[in-house]
Amino acid sequence: QVQLVESGGGLVQSGGSLRLSCAASGSIFSINHMGWYRQAPGKQRELVAAITRAGSTNYADSVKGRFTISRDNAKNTVYLQMNSLKPEDTAVHYCHANLVTLGGRYGDYWGQGTQVTVSS
C-alpha cells in the first residue's frame, strides 16, 4: 500500500520553469533515496536527478545548473525545480523512491508519470 503521486507537469515555453512534486504515501517506514527519471518517445528512461535522505544530490549532465532536486522528509515528498527549460527536456517524468515499508520490505516504487512539454 505505497503510492507515489506526481504533480506539476504541463506545457511551458522554452526558457520557462516548472516545479514537479511527488508525494509518497502509505505504509512507509523510511525512504532512502528518491529521484526523478524521464523518458522521451523512442528513448530509454534516464535519471534526471536523485537525492539521498541526508541531502546528497546527483544530476544528469544535461540538466546541471538548470534543475534542482530537493526533499521534505517529514512529508515524504520530493521536488524538482526545472528552470531554463529546453525543447529537449520534453518527456514523461517519473518519480522514484527506494524505501522500507512498515512491514520491513525493501524495494523500489514508481509514480505513474507526469508529462513535461517544452515548446520552442
N, C-alpha and C. Protein backbone atom coordinates (compact mmCIF):
# COMPACT_ATOMS: atom_id res chain seq x y z
N GLN A 1 0.83 -1.20 0.00
CA GLN A 1 0.00 0.00 0.00
C GLN A 1 0.86 1.26 0.00
N VAL A 2 1.78 1.33 -0.94
CA VAL A 2 2.62 2.51 -1.12
C VAL A 2 2.31 3.11 -2.47
N GLN A 3 2.13 4.41 -2.47
CA GLN A 3 1.83 5.13 -3.70
C GLN A 3 2.72 6.35 -3.83
N LEU A 4 3.13 6.63 -5.06
CA LEU A 4 3.86 7.85 -5.39
C LEU A 4 3.03 8.60 -6.41
N VAL A 5 2.69 9.84 -6.10
CA VAL A 5 1.84 10.64 -6.97
C VAL A 5 2.57 11.90 -7.37
N GLU A 6 2.77 12.07 -8.68
CA GLU A 6 3.44 13.25 -9.21
C GLU A 6 2.44 14.34 -9.57
N SER A 7 2.91 15.57 -9.56
CA SER A 7 2.11 16.69 -9.99
C SER A 7 3.04 17.80 -10.47
N GLY A 8 2.49 18.73 -11.22
CA GLY A 8 3.25 19.89 -11.65
C GLY A 8 3.68 19.91 -13.10
N GLY A 9 3.45 18.83 -13.81
CA GLY A 9 3.82 18.81 -15.22
C GLY A 9 2.89 19.69 -16.04
N GLY A 10 3.29 19.94 -17.26
CA GLY A 10 2.48 20.76 -18.13
C GLY A 10 3.24 21.25 -19.34
N LEU A 11 2.66 22.23 -19.99
CA LEU A 11 3.24 22.84 -21.19
C LEU A 11 3.85 24.18 -20.84
N VAL A 12 5.07 24.39 -21.27
CA VAL A 12 5.76 25.64 -20.99
C VAL A 12 6.62 26.02 -22.19
N GLN A 13 6.83 27.30 -22.37
CA GLN A 13 7.68 27.77 -23.46
C GLN A 13 9.15 27.60 -23.12
N SER A 14 9.96 27.51 -24.16
CA SER A 14 11.39 27.41 -23.97
C SER A 14 11.88 28.58 -23.11
N GLY A 15 12.71 28.25 -22.12
CA GLY A 15 13.21 29.25 -21.20
C GLY A 15 12.38 29.39 -19.94
N GLY A 16 11.23 28.76 -19.91
CA GLY A 16 10.35 28.84 -18.76
C GLY A 16 10.72 27.86 -17.67
N SER A 17 9.86 27.80 -16.65
CA SER A 17 10.13 26.97 -15.48
C SER A 17 8.91 26.16 -15.09
N LEU A 18 9.17 25.03 -14.48
CA LEU A 18 8.14 24.19 -13.89
C LEU A 18 8.69 23.59 -12.61
N ARG A 19 7.79 23.28 -11.69
CA ARG A 19 8.18 22.62 -10.45
C ARG A 19 7.36 21.35 -10.29
N LEU A 20 8.04 20.22 -10.29
CA LEU A 20 7.38 18.95 -10.10
C LEU A 20 7.40 18.55 -8.63
N SER A 21 6.34 17.91 -8.20
CA SER A 21 6.25 17.40 -6.84
C SER A 21 5.87 15.93 -6.89
N CYS A 22 6.34 15.19 -5.92
CA CYS A 22 6.00 13.78 -5.80
C CYS A 22 5.83 13.45 -4.32
N ALA A 23 4.64 13.03 -3.96
CA ALA A 23 4.34 12.68 -2.59
C ALA A 23 4.18 11.17 -2.45
N ALA A 24 4.94 10.59 -1.55
CA ALA A 24 4.83 9.17 -1.25
C ALA A 24 3.92 8.98 -0.05
N SER A 25 3.05 8.01 -0.12
CA SER A 25 2.13 7.76 0.98
C SER A 25 1.90 6.27 1.14
N GLY A 26 1.33 5.91 2.28
CA GLY A 26 1.05 4.51 2.56
C GLY A 26 1.86 3.99 3.72
N SER A 27 2.07 2.69 3.74
CA SER A 27 2.76 2.03 4.85
C SER A 27 4.28 2.15 4.69
N ILE A 28 4.77 3.34 4.91
CA ILE A 28 6.19 3.64 4.75
C ILE A 28 6.87 3.77 6.09
N PHE A 29 7.97 3.06 6.26
CA PHE A 29 8.78 3.21 7.46
C PHE A 29 9.84 4.29 7.25
N SER A 30 10.55 4.21 6.15
CA SER A 30 11.55 5.21 5.83
C SER A 30 11.84 5.17 4.34
N ILE A 31 12.28 6.31 3.82
CA ILE A 31 12.65 6.42 2.42
C ILE A 31 14.14 6.69 2.33
N ASN A 32 14.81 5.88 1.55
CA ASN A 32 16.25 6.06 1.35
C ASN A 32 16.44 7.18 0.31
N HIS A 33 16.78 6.81 -0.91
CA HIS A 33 16.94 7.84 -1.93
C HIS A 33 15.68 7.98 -2.76
N MET A 34 15.48 9.17 -3.29
CA MET A 34 14.38 9.48 -4.18
C MET A 34 14.95 10.14 -5.42
N GLY A 35 14.21 10.08 -6.50
CA GLY A 35 14.72 10.69 -7.71
C GLY A 35 13.67 10.90 -8.77
N TRP A 36 14.10 11.58 -9.80
CA TRP A 36 13.27 11.82 -10.97
C TRP A 36 13.94 11.23 -12.20
N TYR A 37 13.18 10.52 -12.98
CA TYR A 37 13.61 9.97 -14.25
C TYR A 37 12.71 10.53 -15.34
N ARG A 38 13.20 10.50 -16.56
CA ARG A 38 12.37 10.94 -17.67
C ARG A 38 12.57 10.03 -18.87
N GLN A 39 11.55 9.98 -19.70
CA GLN A 39 11.60 9.16 -20.90
C GLN A 39 10.91 9.89 -22.04
N ALA A 40 11.69 10.17 -23.07
CA ALA A 40 11.17 10.79 -24.27
C ALA A 40 10.77 9.70 -25.26
N PRO A 41 9.88 10.00 -26.20
CA PRO A 41 9.47 8.99 -27.18
C PRO A 41 10.65 8.39 -27.92
N GLY A 42 10.70 7.07 -27.98
CA GLY A 42 11.76 6.38 -28.68
C GLY A 42 13.09 6.31 -27.96
N LYS A 43 13.15 6.78 -26.73
CA LYS A 43 14.40 6.78 -25.99
C LYS A 43 14.24 6.03 -24.67
N GLN A 44 15.35 5.62 -24.11
CA GLN A 44 15.34 4.91 -22.84
C GLN A 44 15.10 5.88 -21.69
N ARG A 45 14.56 5.34 -20.61
CA ARG A 45 14.37 6.14 -19.42
C ARG A 45 15.74 6.49 -18.83
N GLU A 46 15.91 7.74 -18.44
CA GLU A 46 17.17 8.18 -17.90
C GLU A 46 16.98 8.92 -16.58
N LEU A 47 17.99 8.85 -15.76
CA LEU A 47 17.98 9.57 -14.49
C LEU A 47 18.16 11.05 -14.74
N VAL A 48 17.30 11.86 -14.16
CA VAL A 48 17.43 13.30 -14.23
C VAL A 48 18.14 13.83 -12.99
N ALA A 49 17.66 13.43 -11.83
CA ALA A 49 18.24 13.86 -10.57
C ALA A 49 17.84 12.90 -9.47
N ALA A 50 18.70 12.78 -8.47
CA ALA A 50 18.43 11.92 -7.33
C ALA A 50 18.92 12.59 -6.07
N ILE A 51 18.33 12.21 -4.95
CA ILE A 51 18.71 12.80 -3.67
C ILE A 51 18.58 11.75 -2.57
N THR A 52 19.58 11.69 -1.71
CA THR A 52 19.55 10.77 -0.58
C THR A 52 18.77 11.38 0.56
N ARG A 53 18.51 10.58 1.60
CA ARG A 53 17.80 11.08 2.75
C ARG A 53 18.58 12.21 3.43
N ALA A 54 19.90 12.11 3.39
CA ALA A 54 20.74 13.12 4.01
C ALA A 54 20.90 14.38 3.17
N GLY A 55 20.46 14.32 1.91
CA GLY A 55 20.51 15.50 1.07
C GLY A 55 21.56 15.53 -0.01
N SER A 56 22.33 14.47 -0.16
CA SER A 56 23.30 14.42 -1.25
C SER A 56 22.56 14.29 -2.58
N THR A 57 23.04 15.00 -3.59
CA THR A 57 22.34 15.03 -4.87
C THR A 57 23.21 14.56 -6.01
N ASN A 58 22.54 14.16 -7.07
CA ASN A 58 23.21 13.74 -8.29
C ASN A 58 22.33 14.16 -9.46
N TYR A 59 22.96 14.74 -10.50
CA TYR A 59 22.23 15.24 -11.64
C TYR A 59 22.80 14.71 -12.94
N ALA A 60 21.92 14.55 -13.92
CA ALA A 60 22.38 14.28 -15.27
C ALA A 60 23.14 15.50 -15.78
N ASP A 61 24.17 15.27 -16.57
CA ASP A 61 24.97 16.38 -17.08
C ASP A 61 24.12 17.39 -17.85
N SER A 62 23.10 16.91 -18.53
CA SER A 62 22.29 17.77 -19.37
C SER A 62 21.43 18.76 -18.59
N VAL A 63 21.25 18.53 -17.29
CA VAL A 63 20.39 19.42 -16.50
C VAL A 63 21.14 20.16 -15.41
N LYS A 64 22.41 19.90 -15.24
CA LYS A 64 23.19 20.57 -14.21
C LYS A 64 23.17 22.08 -14.42
N GLY A 65 22.92 22.79 -13.34
CA GLY A 65 22.85 24.23 -13.41
C GLY A 65 21.48 24.77 -13.74
N ARG A 66 20.59 23.90 -14.19
CA ARG A 66 19.23 24.33 -14.55
C ARG A 66 18.17 23.75 -13.62
N PHE A 67 18.37 22.51 -13.17
CA PHE A 67 17.40 21.83 -12.32
C PHE A 67 17.93 21.71 -10.90
N THR A 68 17.02 21.69 -9.95
CA THR A 68 17.36 21.50 -8.55
C THR A 68 16.40 20.51 -7.92
N ILE A 69 16.95 19.46 -7.32
CA ILE A 69 16.12 18.49 -6.63
C ILE A 69 16.20 18.76 -5.12
N SER A 70 15.08 18.58 -4.44
CA SER A 70 15.03 18.75 -3.00
C SER A 70 13.99 17.81 -2.43
N ARG A 71 13.98 17.66 -1.12
CA ARG A 71 13.00 16.78 -0.50
C ARG A 71 12.63 17.27 0.89
N ASP A 72 11.45 16.90 1.30
CA ASP A 72 10.95 17.18 2.63
C ASP A 72 10.69 15.82 3.27
N ASN A 73 11.60 15.39 4.11
CA ASN A 73 11.49 14.06 4.70
C ASN A 73 10.24 13.90 5.57
N ALA A 74 9.85 14.96 6.24
CA ALA A 74 8.67 14.90 7.10
C ALA A 74 7.40 14.67 6.29
N LYS A 75 7.40 15.13 5.04
CA LYS A 75 6.23 14.98 4.18
C LYS A 75 6.38 13.85 3.16
N ASN A 76 7.52 13.17 3.18
CA ASN A 76 7.80 12.12 2.20
C ASN A 76 7.59 12.63 0.78
N THR A 77 8.09 13.81 0.54
CA THR A 77 7.89 14.47 -0.74
C THR A 77 9.21 14.90 -1.35
N VAL A 78 9.33 14.73 -2.66
CA VAL A 78 10.50 15.17 -3.40
C VAL A 78 10.05 16.15 -4.47
N TYR A 79 10.89 17.14 -4.73
CA TYR A 79 10.58 18.18 -5.69
C TYR A 79 11.66 18.26 -6.76
N LEU A 80 11.28 18.77 -7.91
CA LEU A 80 12.24 19.05 -8.96
C LEU A 80 11.91 20.41 -9.55
N GLN A 81 12.75 21.39 -9.24
CA GLN A 81 12.60 22.72 -9.81
C GLN A 81 13.35 22.75 -11.13
N MET A 82 12.64 23.01 -12.21
CA MET A 82 13.21 23.00 -13.55
C MET A 82 13.17 24.41 -14.12
N ASN A 83 14.33 24.98 -14.33
CA ASN A 83 14.46 26.31 -14.90
C ASN A 83 15.14 26.25 -16.26
N SER A 84 15.00 27.33 -17.00
CA SER A 84 15.62 27.42 -18.33
C SER A 84 15.33 26.19 -19.17
N LEU A 85 14.08 25.82 -19.21
CA LEU A 85 13.69 24.60 -19.91
C LEU A 85 13.93 24.71 -21.41
N LYS A 86 14.29 23.58 -21.99
CA LYS A 86 14.58 23.48 -23.41
C LYS A 86 13.65 22.45 -24.05
N PRO A 87 13.43 22.54 -25.35
CA PRO A 87 12.58 21.54 -26.01
C PRO A 87 13.05 20.11 -25.78
N GLU A 88 14.35 19.89 -25.67
CA GLU A 88 14.86 18.55 -25.44
C GLU A 88 14.56 18.01 -24.05
N ASP A 89 14.01 18.85 -23.18
CA ASP A 89 13.56 18.38 -21.87
C ASP A 89 12.18 17.73 -21.94
N THR A 90 11.54 17.81 -23.08
CA THR A 90 10.21 17.24 -23.24
C THR A 90 10.25 15.73 -23.03
N ALA A 91 9.46 15.25 -22.08
CA ALA A 91 9.44 13.84 -21.74
C ALA A 91 8.40 13.59 -20.66
N VAL A 92 8.08 12.32 -20.48
CA VAL A 92 7.31 11.93 -19.31
C VAL A 92 8.28 11.79 -18.15
N HIS A 93 7.98 12.44 -17.06
CA HIS A 93 8.84 12.41 -15.88
C HIS A 93 8.24 11.51 -14.81
N TYR A 94 9.07 10.61 -14.29
CA TYR A 94 8.64 9.64 -13.31
C TYR A 94 9.35 9.85 -11.98
N CYS A 95 8.59 9.76 -10.92
CA CYS A 95 9.14 9.82 -9.58
C CYS A 95 9.52 8.41 -9.13
N HIS A 96 10.64 8.31 -8.44
CA HIS A 96 11.13 7.02 -7.94
C HIS A 96 11.53 7.15 -6.48
N ALA A 97 11.26 6.11 -5.72
CA ALA A 97 11.68 6.08 -4.33
C ALA A 97 12.16 4.69 -3.95
N ASN A 98 13.26 4.65 -3.25
CA ASN A 98 13.76 3.41 -2.66
C ASN A 98 13.44 3.49 -1.18
N LEU A 99 12.63 2.55 -0.68
CA LEU A 99 12.13 2.69 0.67
C LEU A 99 11.95 1.36 1.38
N VAL A 100 11.67 1.48 2.67
CA VAL A 100 11.35 0.34 3.52
C VAL A 100 9.93 0.54 4.04
N THR A 101 9.10 -0.46 3.89
CA THR A 101 7.73 -0.36 4.36
C THR A 101 7.65 -0.66 5.84
N LEU A 102 6.49 -0.38 6.43
CA LEU A 102 6.29 -0.67 7.84
C LEU A 102 6.42 -2.16 8.13
N GLY A 103 6.19 -2.98 7.13
CA GLY A 103 6.34 -4.42 7.28
C GLY A 103 7.75 -4.91 7.10
N GLY A 104 8.69 -4.00 6.88
CA GLY A 104 10.09 -4.37 6.76
C GLY A 104 10.53 -4.72 5.35
N ARG A 105 9.72 -4.44 4.37
CA ARG A 105 10.07 -4.74 2.99
C ARG A 105 10.88 -3.62 2.37
N TYR A 106 11.94 -3.98 1.69
CA TYR A 106 12.81 -3.04 1.00
C TYR A 106 12.53 -3.15 -0.50
N GLY A 107 12.36 -2.01 -1.16
CA GLY A 107 12.11 -2.07 -2.58
C GLY A 107 12.03 -0.72 -3.26
N ASP A 108 11.78 -0.77 -4.55
CA ASP A 108 11.69 0.42 -5.39
C ASP A 108 10.25 0.65 -5.83
N TYR A 109 9.83 1.90 -5.80
CA TYR A 109 8.48 2.26 -6.17
C TYR A 109 8.51 3.41 -7.16
N TRP A 110 7.52 3.41 -8.05
CA TRP A 110 7.47 4.39 -9.13
C TRP A 110 6.11 5.06 -9.21
N GLY A 111 6.12 6.32 -9.58
CA GLY A 111 4.89 7.02 -9.86
C GLY A 111 4.41 6.71 -11.26
N GLN A 112 3.24 7.21 -11.60
CA GLN A 112 2.66 6.95 -12.90
C GLN A 112 3.18 7.86 -14.00
N GLY A 113 3.86 8.92 -13.64
CA GLY A 113 4.45 9.81 -14.61
C GLY A 113 3.64 11.07 -14.83
N THR A 114 4.33 12.14 -15.15
CA THR A 114 3.70 13.41 -15.49
C THR A 114 4.41 13.99 -16.71
N GLN A 115 3.63 14.47 -17.66
CA GLN A 115 4.18 14.96 -18.92
C GLN A 115 4.72 16.37 -18.78
N VAL A 116 5.92 16.58 -19.27
CA VAL A 116 6.52 17.90 -19.38
C VAL A 116 6.77 18.17 -20.86
N THR A 117 6.17 19.22 -21.38
CA THR A 117 6.33 19.58 -22.78
C THR A 117 6.85 21.00 -22.87
N VAL A 118 7.95 21.17 -23.58
CA VAL A 118 8.58 22.47 -23.74
C VAL A 118 8.52 22.86 -25.21
N SER A 119 7.84 23.93 -25.50
CA SER A 119 7.70 24.39 -26.88
C SER A 119 8.81 25.36 -27.23
N SER A 120 9.19 25.38 -28.50
CA SER A 120 10.25 26.25 -28.96
C SER A 120 9.75 27.63 -29.32
